[in-house]
Amino acid sequence: MIDLKLLEYLETYLTENRKQRFDTVLPQRTKHFTVATEDVYQLHNTSAVIRSCDVFGIQEVNIVEERNSKRIDREIAMGAQKWVDLNRYHHVKSCMSDLKQKGYQIVATTPHTNDCELHDFDVTKKSCFFFGRETEGLSQEVLDEADCFLKIPMVGFTESLNISVSAAIILQHVTTKLRRSDINWQLSEDEINEKRLDWCKKTLKSYDDIVARFYEKL
């Protein structure tokens, strides 16, 4: 359980602008949808996906690094990795298993399988959108385990988009549709308080000293 008195104390050290940003952003956050990237080679692509997740209110991102393990590009993510929760996996099977235990359906984003076009996607189900490697796409493991396949309608000569562009298009569409629905998609009160505390920790440079002073006063 979050110590609400500690949280209240910590927030006295925040600027009014930062507190207002927390109040504005947190009600728009969701775990109804999440995203997974599978062994994306180009670092800026993963970073750009994280940035899009922050922009469209996706709280968690799952990064599978079986072959390619690199630090997140801070310049491309523009600090988004500070506000979005990153779950990292060394094996795609463990990632999918974890997601399914949390109640997510696995959605393979691919232009090669004629299953569901973006405008027909059912937003009522908790979903994790999987994006694959730049040249190879998603692994056979993901395709075999996927609950459904999703594609963006395209009418040009090019058959696929860069994964960061695909992620932005899909997330913009599904989150807009989600917010217009009557689905309970927002974070719970406990989850919001956990994020407030986490974001305070990431914002305040003297966090440990401030916490120590708080408990000394008790």
N, C-alpha and C. Protein backbone atom coordinates (compact mmCIF):
# COMPACT_ATOMS: atom_id res chain seq x y z
N MET A 1 0.83 -1.21 0.00
CA MET A 1 0.00 0.00 0.00
C MET A 1 0.87 1.26 0.00
N ILE A 2 0.40 2.26 -0.73
CA ILE A 2 1.12 3.52 -0.80
C ILE A 2 0.86 4.32 0.48
N ASP A 3 1.92 4.90 1.02
CA ASP A 3 1.80 5.80 2.16
C ASP A 3 1.30 7.14 1.63
N LEU A 4 0.02 7.41 1.77
CA LEU A 4 -0.58 8.61 1.18
C LEU A 4 -0.06 9.89 1.83
N LYS A 5 0.28 9.81 3.12
CA LYS A 5 0.83 10.99 3.79
C LYS A 5 2.22 11.33 3.24
N LEU A 6 3.00 10.28 2.95
CA LEU A 6 4.31 10.50 2.33
C LEU A 6 4.13 11.11 0.95
N LEU A 7 3.20 10.57 0.18
CA LEU A 7 2.94 11.09 -1.17
C LEU A 7 2.55 12.56 -1.10
N GLU A 8 1.67 12.90 -0.17
CA GLU A 8 1.24 14.29 -0.01
C GLU A 8 2.42 15.19 0.34
N TYR A 9 3.30 14.69 1.21
CA TYR A 9 4.50 15.44 1.60
C TYR A 9 5.44 15.65 0.42
N LEU A 10 5.67 14.58 -0.34
CA LEU A 10 6.56 14.68 -1.50
C LEU A 10 6.06 15.70 -2.52
N GLU A 11 4.75 15.74 -2.69
CA GLU A 11 4.19 16.63 -3.71
C GLU A 11 4.31 18.10 -3.33
N THR A 12 4.60 18.38 -2.05
CA THR A 12 4.83 19.78 -1.66
C THR A 12 6.15 20.29 -2.24
N TYR A 13 7.02 19.37 -2.65
CA TYR A 13 8.30 19.75 -3.24
C TYR A 13 8.22 19.91 -4.76
N LEU A 14 7.10 19.58 -5.34
CA LEU A 14 6.92 19.71 -6.79
C LEU A 14 6.48 21.13 -7.14
N THR A 15 6.81 21.57 -8.33
CA THR A 15 6.30 22.84 -8.80
C THR A 15 4.80 22.70 -9.10
N GLU A 16 4.08 23.80 -9.09
CA GLU A 16 2.65 23.76 -9.41
C GLU A 16 2.42 23.22 -10.82
N ASN A 17 3.31 23.59 -11.72
CA ASN A 17 3.18 23.12 -13.10
C ASN A 17 3.31 21.61 -13.18
N ARG A 18 4.27 21.04 -12.44
CA ARG A 18 4.46 19.60 -12.48
C ARG A 18 3.26 18.87 -11.85
N LYS A 19 2.76 19.39 -10.74
CA LYS A 19 1.58 18.78 -10.11
C LYS A 19 0.37 18.82 -11.05
N GLN A 20 0.21 19.93 -11.76
CA GLN A 20 -0.90 20.05 -12.70
C GLN A 20 -0.74 19.07 -13.85
N ARG A 21 0.51 18.84 -14.27
CA ARG A 21 0.75 17.88 -15.35
C ARG A 21 0.37 16.47 -14.89
N PHE A 22 0.75 16.12 -13.67
CA PHE A 22 0.36 14.81 -13.12
C PHE A 22 -1.16 14.68 -13.12
N ASP A 23 -1.86 15.74 -12.66
CA ASP A 23 -3.32 15.72 -12.57
C ASP A 23 -3.97 15.62 -13.95
N THR A 24 -3.32 16.16 -14.95
CA THR A 24 -3.87 16.13 -16.31
C THR A 24 -3.59 14.81 -17.00
N VAL A 25 -2.37 14.29 -16.82
CA VAL A 25 -1.93 13.10 -17.56
C VAL A 25 -2.49 11.80 -16.97
N LEU A 26 -2.46 11.66 -15.66
CA LEU A 26 -2.83 10.39 -15.04
C LEU A 26 -4.24 9.90 -15.35
N PRO A 27 -5.26 10.77 -15.41
CA PRO A 27 -6.60 10.27 -15.76
C PRO A 27 -6.69 9.76 -17.19
N GLN A 28 -5.70 10.07 -18.01
CA GLN A 28 -5.69 9.64 -19.41
C GLN A 28 -4.84 8.39 -19.64
N ARG A 29 -4.24 7.88 -18.58
CA ARG A 29 -3.39 6.69 -18.70
C ARG A 29 -4.23 5.42 -18.69
N THR A 30 -3.75 4.39 -19.41
CA THR A 30 -4.47 3.12 -19.46
C THR A 30 -3.52 1.93 -19.51
N LYS A 31 -4.00 0.82 -18.94
CA LYS A 31 -3.33 -0.47 -19.11
C LYS A 31 -4.24 -1.42 -19.88
N HIS A 32 -5.35 -0.89 -20.39
CA HIS A 32 -6.27 -1.71 -21.19
C HIS A 32 -5.55 -2.18 -22.46
N PHE A 33 -4.70 -1.32 -23.00
CA PHE A 33 -3.85 -1.68 -24.12
C PHE A 33 -2.38 -1.58 -23.69
N THR A 34 -1.57 -2.41 -24.29
CA THR A 34 -0.13 -2.31 -24.11
C THR A 34 0.54 -2.67 -25.43
N VAL A 35 1.84 -2.49 -25.50
CA VAL A 35 2.61 -2.71 -26.73
C VAL A 35 3.81 -3.58 -26.43
N ALA A 36 4.19 -4.42 -27.39
CA ALA A 36 5.41 -5.22 -27.27
C ALA A 36 6.22 -5.07 -28.55
N THR A 37 7.52 -4.87 -28.41
CA THR A 37 8.42 -4.86 -29.56
C THR A 37 9.31 -6.09 -29.47
N GLU A 38 9.45 -6.79 -30.58
CA GLU A 38 10.22 -8.03 -30.59
C GLU A 38 11.53 -7.86 -31.34
N ASP A 39 12.61 -7.80 -30.60
CA ASP A 39 13.96 -7.74 -31.18
C ASP A 39 14.12 -6.70 -32.27
N VAL A 40 13.59 -5.51 -32.00
CA VAL A 40 13.77 -4.41 -32.95
C VAL A 40 15.23 -4.01 -32.98
N TYR A 41 15.82 -3.94 -34.16
CA TYR A 41 17.26 -3.72 -34.29
C TYR A 41 17.63 -2.24 -34.14
N GLN A 42 16.91 -1.39 -34.85
CA GLN A 42 17.24 0.03 -34.82
C GLN A 42 16.75 0.65 -33.50
N LEU A 43 17.69 1.16 -32.75
CA LEU A 43 17.38 1.69 -31.42
C LEU A 43 16.34 2.80 -31.47
N HIS A 44 16.42 3.66 -32.48
CA HIS A 44 15.49 4.78 -32.54
C HIS A 44 14.06 4.33 -32.77
N ASN A 45 13.87 3.13 -33.35
CA ASN A 45 12.52 2.63 -33.55
C ASN A 45 11.84 2.28 -32.23
N THR A 46 12.57 1.55 -31.37
CA THR A 46 12.02 1.22 -30.05
C THR A 46 11.75 2.49 -29.26
N SER A 47 12.68 3.42 -29.31
CA SER A 47 12.53 4.67 -28.57
C SER A 47 11.33 5.47 -29.06
N ALA A 48 11.13 5.47 -30.38
CA ALA A 48 9.99 6.20 -30.95
C ALA A 48 8.68 5.55 -30.57
N VAL A 49 8.65 4.22 -30.47
CA VAL A 49 7.44 3.51 -30.04
C VAL A 49 7.11 3.90 -28.59
N ILE A 50 8.12 3.96 -27.73
CA ILE A 50 7.92 4.36 -26.33
C ILE A 50 7.34 5.77 -26.28
N ARG A 51 7.86 6.64 -27.11
CA ARG A 51 7.38 8.03 -27.15
C ARG A 51 5.91 8.07 -27.57
N SER A 52 5.54 7.27 -28.56
CA SER A 52 4.14 7.22 -29.01
C SER A 52 3.24 6.68 -27.91
N CYS A 53 3.73 5.69 -27.15
CA CYS A 53 2.94 5.15 -26.05
C CYS A 53 2.64 6.24 -25.02
N ASP A 54 3.64 7.04 -24.70
CA ASP A 54 3.43 8.13 -23.76
C ASP A 54 2.41 9.13 -24.31
N VAL A 55 2.57 9.49 -25.57
CA VAL A 55 1.68 10.47 -26.21
C VAL A 55 0.23 10.02 -26.18
N PHE A 56 -0.01 8.71 -26.40
CA PHE A 56 -1.38 8.21 -26.49
C PHE A 56 -1.87 7.54 -25.20
N GLY A 57 -1.11 7.70 -24.12
CA GLY A 57 -1.59 7.29 -22.81
C GLY A 57 -1.40 5.84 -22.45
N ILE A 58 -0.55 5.12 -23.19
CA ILE A 58 -0.27 3.71 -22.88
C ILE A 58 0.78 3.66 -21.77
N GLN A 59 0.43 3.06 -20.64
CA GLN A 59 1.32 3.12 -19.47
C GLN A 59 2.46 2.11 -19.51
N GLU A 60 2.26 0.96 -20.15
CA GLU A 60 3.29 -0.08 -20.13
C GLU A 60 3.74 -0.46 -21.54
N VAL A 61 5.04 -0.68 -21.67
CA VAL A 61 5.64 -1.16 -22.92
C VAL A 61 6.47 -2.39 -22.60
N ASN A 62 6.36 -3.41 -23.43
CA ASN A 62 7.09 -4.66 -23.24
C ASN A 62 8.15 -4.79 -24.33
N ILE A 63 9.39 -4.95 -23.92
CA ILE A 63 10.50 -5.00 -24.87
C ILE A 63 11.16 -6.37 -24.81
N VAL A 64 11.10 -7.10 -25.93
CA VAL A 64 11.73 -8.42 -26.02
C VAL A 64 13.08 -8.26 -26.70
N GLU A 65 14.13 -8.74 -26.04
CA GLU A 65 15.50 -8.58 -26.54
C GLU A 65 16.21 -9.92 -26.55
N GLU A 66 15.81 -10.82 -27.42
CA GLU A 66 16.49 -12.12 -27.52
C GLU A 66 17.82 -11.96 -28.24
N ARG A 67 17.83 -11.16 -29.29
CA ARG A 67 19.06 -10.96 -30.06
C ARG A 67 19.70 -9.60 -29.82
N ASN A 68 18.86 -8.58 -29.75
CA ASN A 68 19.36 -7.21 -29.68
C ASN A 68 19.03 -6.59 -28.33
N SER A 69 20.07 -6.30 -27.57
CA SER A 69 19.88 -5.69 -26.25
C SER A 69 20.64 -4.38 -26.20
N LYS A 70 19.90 -3.27 -26.22
CA LYS A 70 20.54 -1.96 -26.25
C LYS A 70 19.82 -1.02 -25.29
N ARG A 71 20.51 0.03 -24.87
CA ARG A 71 19.88 1.01 -24.00
C ARG A 71 18.87 1.83 -24.82
N ILE A 72 17.89 2.36 -24.15
CA ILE A 72 16.88 3.17 -24.81
C ILE A 72 17.49 4.52 -25.20
N ASP A 73 17.25 4.94 -26.41
CA ASP A 73 17.78 6.19 -26.92
C ASP A 73 17.03 7.36 -26.27
N ARG A 74 17.66 8.03 -25.35
CA ARG A 74 17.02 9.09 -24.61
C ARG A 74 16.59 10.26 -25.50
N GLU A 75 17.39 10.56 -26.51
CA GLU A 75 17.08 11.69 -27.38
C GLU A 75 15.79 11.45 -28.16
N ILE A 76 15.62 10.23 -28.69
CA ILE A 76 14.44 9.92 -29.48
C ILE A 76 13.22 9.79 -28.58
N ALA A 77 13.37 9.13 -27.44
CA ALA A 77 12.23 8.93 -26.53
C ALA A 77 11.80 10.23 -25.87
N MET A 78 12.67 11.25 -25.89
CA MET A 78 12.35 12.57 -25.36
C MET A 78 11.87 12.50 -23.90
N GLY A 79 12.50 11.63 -23.12
CA GLY A 79 12.15 11.51 -21.71
C GLY A 79 10.94 10.65 -21.44
N ALA A 80 10.33 10.09 -22.50
CA ALA A 80 9.11 9.29 -22.32
C ALA A 80 9.36 8.06 -21.48
N GLN A 81 10.60 7.52 -21.52
CA GLN A 81 10.91 6.31 -20.75
C GLN A 81 10.82 6.57 -19.24
N LYS A 82 10.78 7.84 -18.87
CA LYS A 82 10.65 8.21 -17.47
C LYS A 82 9.19 8.04 -16.98
N TRP A 83 8.26 8.21 -17.89
CA TRP A 83 6.85 8.22 -17.52
C TRP A 83 6.11 6.94 -17.91
N VAL A 84 6.71 6.15 -18.78
CA VAL A 84 6.11 4.89 -19.23
C VAL A 84 6.86 3.74 -18.56
N ASP A 85 6.13 2.72 -18.11
CA ASP A 85 6.76 1.57 -17.46
C ASP A 85 7.27 0.59 -18.51
N LEU A 86 8.54 0.22 -18.40
CA LEU A 86 9.17 -0.70 -19.37
C LEU A 86 9.33 -2.07 -18.73
N ASN A 87 8.75 -3.08 -19.37
CA ASN A 87 8.94 -4.47 -18.95
C ASN A 87 9.85 -5.14 -19.98
N ARG A 88 11.00 -5.65 -19.53
CA ARG A 88 11.99 -6.19 -20.47
C ARG A 88 12.07 -7.71 -20.33
N TYR A 89 12.17 -8.37 -21.48
CA TYR A 89 12.20 -9.84 -21.52
C TYR A 89 13.33 -10.31 -22.43
N HIS A 90 13.93 -11.44 -22.06
CA HIS A 90 14.97 -12.04 -22.89
C HIS A 90 14.39 -13.07 -23.86
N HIS A 91 13.14 -13.50 -23.62
CA HIS A 91 12.52 -14.50 -24.49
C HIS A 91 11.07 -14.10 -24.78
N VAL A 92 10.67 -14.23 -26.02
CA VAL A 92 9.33 -13.83 -26.41
C VAL A 92 8.28 -14.72 -25.77
N LYS A 93 8.60 -15.99 -25.54
CA LYS A 93 7.64 -16.90 -24.90
C LYS A 93 7.28 -16.43 -23.50
N SER A 94 8.28 -16.01 -22.73
CA SER A 94 8.01 -15.55 -21.37
C SER A 94 7.21 -14.26 -21.39
N CYS A 95 7.46 -13.42 -22.39
CA CYS A 95 6.70 -12.18 -22.54
C CYS A 95 5.23 -12.49 -22.80
N MET A 96 4.97 -13.37 -23.76
CA MET A 96 3.58 -13.70 -24.11
C MET A 96 2.88 -14.40 -22.95
N SER A 97 3.59 -15.26 -22.26
CA SER A 97 3.00 -15.97 -21.12
C SER A 97 2.60 -14.99 -20.03
N ASP A 98 3.46 -14.03 -19.75
CA ASP A 98 3.19 -13.02 -18.73
C ASP A 98 1.98 -12.18 -19.12
N LEU A 99 1.93 -11.79 -20.39
CA LEU A 99 0.83 -10.96 -20.87
C LEU A 99 -0.51 -11.70 -20.80
N LYS A 100 -0.49 -12.96 -21.17
CA LYS A 100 -1.74 -13.74 -21.14
C LYS A 100 -2.22 -13.94 -19.71
N GLN A 101 -1.28 -14.09 -18.77
CA GLN A 101 -1.66 -14.21 -17.35
C GLN A 101 -2.32 -12.92 -16.86
N LYS A 102 -1.93 -11.80 -17.45
CA LYS A 102 -2.53 -10.51 -17.08
C LYS A 102 -3.84 -10.25 -17.80
N GLY A 103 -4.24 -11.19 -18.66
CA GLY A 103 -5.53 -11.06 -19.34
C GLY A 103 -5.49 -10.41 -20.71
N TYR A 104 -4.30 -10.25 -21.27
CA TYR A 104 -4.19 -9.62 -22.59
C TYR A 104 -4.32 -10.66 -23.71
N GLN A 105 -4.98 -10.26 -24.80
CA GLN A 105 -4.91 -11.05 -26.01
C GLN A 105 -3.69 -10.58 -26.81
N ILE A 106 -3.06 -11.51 -27.53
CA ILE A 106 -1.88 -11.19 -28.33
C ILE A 106 -2.34 -10.78 -29.73
N VAL A 107 -2.01 -9.56 -30.09
CA VAL A 107 -2.40 -9.03 -31.40
C VAL A 107 -1.15 -8.86 -32.25
N ALA A 108 -1.05 -9.67 -33.30
CA ALA A 108 0.11 -9.59 -34.21
C ALA A 108 -0.18 -8.54 -35.27
N THR A 109 0.65 -7.51 -35.31
CA THR A 109 0.49 -6.49 -36.34
C THR A 109 1.31 -6.91 -37.55
N THR A 110 0.63 -7.21 -38.63
CA THR A 110 1.31 -7.69 -39.83
C THR A 110 0.48 -7.37 -41.07
N PRO A 111 1.13 -6.96 -42.16
CA PRO A 111 0.39 -6.68 -43.40
C PRO A 111 0.16 -7.92 -44.24
N HIS A 112 0.62 -9.07 -43.77
CA HIS A 112 0.60 -10.27 -44.60
C HIS A 112 -0.57 -11.20 -44.32
N THR A 113 -1.29 -10.97 -43.21
CA THR A 113 -2.39 -11.87 -42.86
C THR A 113 -3.71 -11.12 -42.94
N ASN A 114 -4.60 -11.62 -43.76
CA ASN A 114 -5.88 -10.94 -43.97
C ASN A 114 -6.87 -11.34 -42.89
N ASP A 115 -6.79 -10.68 -41.75
CA ASP A 115 -7.67 -11.04 -40.65
C ASP A 115 -8.54 -9.85 -40.26
N CYS A 116 -7.96 -8.85 -39.64
CA CYS A 116 -8.74 -7.70 -39.16
C CYS A 116 -8.06 -6.40 -39.58
N GLU A 117 -8.82 -5.53 -40.22
CA GLU A 117 -8.29 -4.22 -40.55
C GLU A 117 -8.52 -3.28 -39.37
N LEU A 118 -7.70 -2.27 -39.29
CA LEU A 118 -7.67 -1.41 -38.11
C LEU A 118 -9.04 -0.84 -37.74
N HIS A 119 -9.79 -0.38 -38.71
CA HIS A 119 -11.08 0.26 -38.39
C HIS A 119 -12.11 -0.73 -37.85
N ASP A 120 -11.85 -2.05 -38.02
CA ASP A 120 -12.78 -3.07 -37.52
C ASP A 120 -12.35 -3.67 -36.18
N PHE A 121 -11.24 -3.21 -35.63
CA PHE A 121 -10.69 -3.82 -34.43
C PHE A 121 -11.59 -3.61 -33.22
N ASP A 122 -11.80 -4.69 -32.45
CA ASP A 122 -12.65 -4.67 -31.26
C ASP A 122 -11.83 -4.17 -30.07
N VAL A 123 -12.14 -2.96 -29.60
CA VAL A 123 -11.36 -2.35 -28.52
C VAL A 123 -11.81 -2.80 -27.13
N THR A 124 -12.85 -3.61 -27.06
CA THR A 124 -13.35 -4.01 -25.74
C THR A 124 -12.42 -4.99 -25.04
N LYS A 125 -11.59 -5.71 -25.79
CA LYS A 125 -10.70 -6.71 -25.20
C LYS A 125 -9.35 -6.09 -24.82
N LYS A 126 -8.84 -6.49 -23.65
CA LYS A 126 -7.48 -6.08 -23.28
C LYS A 126 -6.52 -6.65 -24.31
N SER A 127 -5.68 -5.81 -24.88
CA SER A 127 -4.85 -6.26 -26.01
C SER A 127 -3.42 -5.76 -25.90
N CYS A 128 -2.50 -6.62 -26.33
CA CYS A 128 -1.10 -6.22 -26.49
C CYS A 128 -0.77 -6.28 -27.97
N PHE A 129 -0.35 -5.17 -28.52
CA PHE A 129 -0.01 -5.08 -29.94
C PHE A 129 1.48 -5.39 -30.11
N PHE A 130 1.77 -6.46 -30.84
CA PHE A 130 3.15 -6.89 -31.07
C PHE A 130 3.68 -6.32 -32.38
N PHE A 131 4.88 -5.73 -32.30
CA PHE A 131 5.56 -5.20 -33.49
C PHE A 131 6.90 -5.91 -33.62
N GLY A 132 7.24 -6.33 -34.85
CA GLY A 132 8.41 -7.17 -35.05
C GLY A 132 9.62 -6.46 -35.60
N ARG A 133 10.62 -7.25 -35.97
CA ARG A 133 11.89 -6.74 -36.49
C ARG A 133 11.67 -5.99 -37.80
N GLU A 134 12.58 -5.05 -38.06
CA GLU A 134 12.42 -4.17 -39.22
C GLU A 134 12.31 -4.93 -40.54
N THR A 135 13.16 -5.91 -40.77
CA THR A 135 13.16 -6.61 -42.07
C THR A 135 12.42 -7.93 -42.03
N GLU A 136 12.44 -8.62 -40.90
CA GLU A 136 11.85 -9.95 -40.81
C GLU A 136 10.42 -9.96 -40.29
N GLY A 137 10.02 -8.91 -39.62
CA GLY A 137 8.69 -8.90 -39.02
C GLY A 137 8.64 -9.74 -37.76
N LEU A 138 7.45 -10.14 -37.37
CA LEU A 138 7.28 -10.93 -36.15
C LEU A 138 7.77 -12.36 -36.34
N SER A 139 8.24 -12.96 -35.26
CA SER A 139 8.72 -14.34 -35.30
C SER A 139 7.55 -15.30 -35.48
N GLN A 140 7.86 -16.52 -35.89
CA GLN A 140 6.82 -17.54 -36.04
C GLN A 140 6.19 -17.86 -34.69
N GLU A 141 6.96 -17.72 -33.62
CA GLU A 141 6.43 -17.99 -32.27
C GLU A 141 5.26 -17.07 -31.96
N VAL A 142 5.42 -15.78 -32.29
CA VAL A 142 4.34 -14.83 -32.04
C VAL A 142 3.16 -15.11 -32.96
N LEU A 143 3.44 -15.38 -34.22
CA LEU A 143 2.36 -15.65 -35.18
C LEU A 143 1.56 -16.89 -34.78
N ASP A 144 2.26 -17.88 -34.23
CA ASP A 144 1.57 -19.10 -33.82
C ASP A 144 0.71 -18.89 -32.57
N GLU A 145 1.15 -17.99 -31.69
CA GLU A 145 0.44 -17.77 -30.43
C GLU A 145 -0.58 -16.64 -30.51
N ALA A 146 -0.57 -15.88 -31.60
CA ALA A 146 -1.43 -14.70 -31.70
C ALA A 146 -2.91 -15.08 -31.64
N ASP A 147 -3.67 -14.25 -30.93
CA ASP A 147 -5.12 -14.44 -30.85
C ASP A 147 -5.82 -13.80 -32.05
N CYS A 148 -5.19 -12.77 -32.61
CA CYS A 148 -5.73 -12.17 -33.82
C CYS A 148 -4.62 -11.42 -34.55
N PHE A 149 -4.89 -11.08 -35.80
CA PHE A 149 -3.93 -10.37 -36.64
C PHE A 149 -4.54 -9.03 -37.05
N LEU A 150 -3.72 -8.00 -37.04
CA LEU A 150 -4.21 -6.65 -37.31
C LEU A 150 -3.35 -6.00 -38.38
N LYS A 151 -4.01 -5.34 -39.33
CA LYS A 151 -3.24 -4.65 -40.37
C LYS A 151 -3.82 -3.27 -40.62
N ILE A 152 -2.95 -2.38 -41.06
CA ILE A 152 -3.34 -1.03 -41.44
C ILE A 152 -3.63 -1.05 -42.94
N PRO A 153 -4.82 -0.64 -43.39
CA PRO A 153 -5.11 -0.63 -44.82
C PRO A 153 -4.14 0.28 -45.56
N MET A 154 -3.55 -0.22 -46.64
CA MET A 154 -2.61 0.55 -47.46
C MET A 154 -2.94 0.36 -48.93
N VAL A 155 -2.78 1.42 -49.71
CA VAL A 155 -3.18 1.36 -51.13
C VAL A 155 -2.03 1.71 -52.08
N GLY A 156 -0.81 1.82 -51.54
CA GLY A 156 0.32 2.17 -52.38
C GLY A 156 1.15 0.97 -52.78
N PHE A 157 2.28 1.21 -53.41
CA PHE A 157 3.19 0.13 -53.81
C PHE A 157 3.90 -0.48 -52.61
N THR A 158 4.17 0.34 -51.60
CA THR A 158 4.86 -0.14 -50.40
C THR A 158 3.90 -0.97 -49.56
N GLU A 159 4.35 -2.14 -49.13
CA GLU A 159 3.44 -3.04 -48.40
C GLU A 159 3.54 -2.92 -46.89
N SER A 160 4.49 -2.13 -46.39
CA SER A 160 4.59 -2.00 -44.93
C SER A 160 5.13 -0.63 -44.56
N LEU A 161 4.87 -0.26 -43.31
CA LEU A 161 5.35 0.99 -42.75
C LEU A 161 6.44 0.72 -41.73
N ASN A 162 7.25 1.73 -41.45
CA ASN A 162 8.20 1.64 -40.35
C ASN A 162 7.43 1.32 -39.07
N ILE A 163 8.00 0.50 -38.18
CA ILE A 163 7.24 0.04 -37.02
C ILE A 163 6.82 1.20 -36.10
N SER A 164 7.64 2.22 -36.00
CA SER A 164 7.26 3.33 -35.12
C SER A 164 6.08 4.10 -35.71
N VAL A 165 6.02 4.18 -37.03
CA VAL A 165 4.88 4.83 -37.69
C VAL A 165 3.64 3.97 -37.52
N SER A 166 3.79 2.66 -37.73
CA SER A 166 2.66 1.73 -37.56
C SER A 166 2.10 1.82 -36.14
N ALA A 167 3.00 1.83 -35.15
CA ALA A 167 2.57 1.89 -33.76
C ALA A 167 1.78 3.17 -33.49
N ALA A 168 2.27 4.29 -34.01
CA ALA A 168 1.60 5.57 -33.78
C ALA A 168 0.20 5.57 -34.40
N ILE A 169 0.09 5.05 -35.62
CA ILE A 169 -1.21 5.02 -36.30
C ILE A 169 -2.20 4.13 -35.53
N ILE A 170 -1.75 2.94 -35.16
CA ILE A 170 -2.63 1.99 -34.45
C ILE A 170 -3.04 2.54 -33.09
N LEU A 171 -2.08 3.06 -32.34
CA LEU A 171 -2.39 3.56 -31.00
C LEU A 171 -3.31 4.76 -31.03
N GLN A 172 -3.11 5.65 -32.00
CA GLN A 172 -3.99 6.81 -32.11
C GLN A 172 -5.43 6.36 -32.37
N HIS A 173 -5.59 5.38 -33.25
CA HIS A 173 -6.92 4.91 -33.61
C HIS A 173 -7.61 4.19 -32.44
N VAL A 174 -6.91 3.22 -31.84
CA VAL A 174 -7.58 2.40 -30.81
C VAL A 174 -7.82 3.18 -29.52
N THR A 175 -6.92 4.10 -29.16
CA THR A 175 -7.14 4.87 -27.93
C THR A 175 -8.25 5.90 -28.12
N THR A 176 -8.36 6.46 -29.30
CA THR A 176 -9.47 7.39 -29.58
C THR A 176 -10.80 6.66 -29.47
N LYS A 177 -10.86 5.48 -30.07
CA LYS A 177 -12.08 4.67 -30.03
C LYS A 177 -12.38 4.23 -28.59
N LEU A 178 -11.33 3.90 -27.84
CA LEU A 178 -11.50 3.46 -26.46
C LEU A 178 -12.10 4.57 -25.61
N ARG A 179 -11.61 5.78 -25.76
CA ARG A 179 -12.07 6.90 -24.94
C ARG A 179 -13.50 7.31 -25.26
N ARG A 180 -13.98 6.92 -26.43
CA ARG A 180 -15.37 7.21 -26.81
C ARG A 180 -16.32 6.11 -26.37
N SER A 181 -15.76 5.05 -25.79
CA SER A 181 -16.57 3.92 -25.36
C SER A 181 -16.95 4.06 -23.89
N ASP A 182 -17.75 3.11 -23.38
CA ASP A 182 -18.10 3.11 -21.97
C ASP A 182 -17.29 2.06 -21.20
N ILE A 183 -16.18 1.64 -21.77
CA ILE A 183 -15.30 0.65 -21.14
C ILE A 183 -14.55 1.31 -19.98
N ASN A 184 -14.35 0.58 -18.91
CA ASN A 184 -13.58 1.07 -17.77
C ASN A 184 -12.09 0.89 -18.07
N TRP A 185 -11.51 1.86 -18.75
CA TRP A 185 -10.15 1.72 -19.28
C TRP A 185 -9.09 2.44 -18.45
N GLN A 186 -9.50 3.28 -17.52
CA GLN A 186 -8.53 4.09 -16.78
C GLN A 186 -7.83 3.30 -15.68
N LEU A 187 -6.73 3.84 -15.18
CA LEU A 187 -6.03 3.23 -14.06
C LEU A 187 -6.90 3.28 -12.82
N SER A 188 -6.72 2.31 -11.94
CA SER A 188 -7.44 2.32 -10.66
C SER A 188 -6.85 3.41 -9.76
N GLU A 189 -7.54 3.72 -8.68
CA GLU A 189 -7.05 4.73 -7.74
C GLU A 189 -5.70 4.33 -7.16
N ASP A 190 -5.55 3.05 -6.82
CA ASP A 190 -4.27 2.58 -6.29
C ASP A 190 -3.16 2.70 -7.33
N GLU A 191 -3.47 2.35 -8.58
CA GLU A 191 -2.46 2.46 -9.65
C GLU A 191 -2.07 3.91 -9.88
N ILE A 192 -3.04 4.82 -9.79
CA ILE A 192 -2.74 6.25 -9.96
C ILE A 192 -1.82 6.73 -8.84
N ASN A 193 -2.10 6.34 -7.61
CA ASN A 193 -1.25 6.76 -6.49
C ASN A 193 0.16 6.17 -6.60
N GLU A 194 0.24 4.92 -7.06
CA GLU A 194 1.56 4.30 -7.28
C GLU A 194 2.36 5.08 -8.31
N LYS A 195 1.68 5.53 -9.38
CA LYS A 195 2.37 6.29 -10.43
C LYS A 195 2.78 7.67 -9.91
N ARG A 196 1.91 8.29 -9.11
CA ARG A 196 2.26 9.60 -8.55
C ARG A 196 3.54 9.49 -7.71
N LEU A 197 3.62 8.44 -6.91
CA LEU A 197 4.80 8.24 -6.07
C LEU A 197 6.03 7.96 -6.94
N ASP A 198 5.86 7.11 -7.94
CA ASP A 198 6.95 6.77 -8.85
C ASP A 198 7.44 8.01 -9.60
N TRP A 199 6.50 8.83 -10.06
CA TRP A 199 6.88 10.03 -10.81
C TRP A 199 7.52 11.08 -9.91
N CYS A 200 7.09 11.14 -8.65
CA CYS A 200 7.76 12.03 -7.69
C CYS A 200 9.22 11.60 -7.53
N LYS A 201 9.42 10.30 -7.39
CA LYS A 201 10.77 9.76 -7.23
C LYS A 201 11.65 10.12 -8.42
N LYS A 202 11.07 10.08 -9.62
CA LYS A 202 11.83 10.36 -10.84
C LYS A 202 12.01 11.86 -11.09
N THR A 203 11.22 12.66 -10.39
CA THR A 203 11.28 14.11 -10.58
C THR A 203 12.20 14.79 -9.57
N LEU A 204 12.13 14.33 -8.31
CA LEU A 204 12.86 15.00 -7.24
C LEU A 204 14.29 14.49 -7.13
N LYS A 205 15.25 15.37 -7.31
CA LYS A 205 16.66 14.97 -7.29
C LYS A 205 17.09 14.51 -5.89
N SER A 206 16.53 15.09 -4.86
CA SER A 206 16.91 14.74 -3.48
C SER A 206 15.84 13.86 -2.85
N TYR A 207 15.27 12.95 -3.63
CA TYR A 207 14.15 12.13 -3.18
C TYR A 207 14.47 11.40 -1.87
N ASP A 208 15.59 10.70 -1.81
CA ASP A 208 15.93 9.91 -0.62
C ASP A 208 16.06 10.79 0.62
N ASP A 209 16.67 11.96 0.47
CA ASP A 209 16.82 12.88 1.61
C ASP A 209 15.47 13.40 2.08
N ILE A 210 14.59 13.69 1.12
CA ILE A 210 13.26 14.20 1.47
C ILE A 210 12.46 13.15 2.22
N VAL A 211 12.54 11.90 1.75
CA VAL A 211 11.84 10.80 2.42
C VAL A 211 12.38 10.60 3.83
N ALA A 212 13.70 10.69 3.98
CA ALA A 212 14.33 10.52 5.30
C ALA A 212 13.84 11.61 6.26
N ARG A 213 13.75 12.84 5.76
CA ARG A 213 13.28 13.94 6.61
C ARG A 213 11.82 13.73 7.04
N PHE A 214 11.03 13.19 6.13
CA PHE A 214 9.62 12.93 6.43
C PHE A 214 9.49 11.94 7.59
N TYR A 215 10.24 10.86 7.54
CA TYR A 215 10.11 9.84 8.58
C TYR A 215 10.77 10.26 9.90
N GLU A 216 11.73 11.19 9.83
CA GLU A 216 12.34 11.73 11.06
C GLU A 216 11.33 12.55 11.85
N LYS A 217 10.38 13.15 11.15
CA LYS A 217 9.38 14.02 11.79
C LYS A 217 8.27 13.22 12.47
N LEU A 218 8.17 11.95 12.15
CA LEU A 218 7.10 11.13 12.72
C LEU A 218 7.34 10.79 14.20
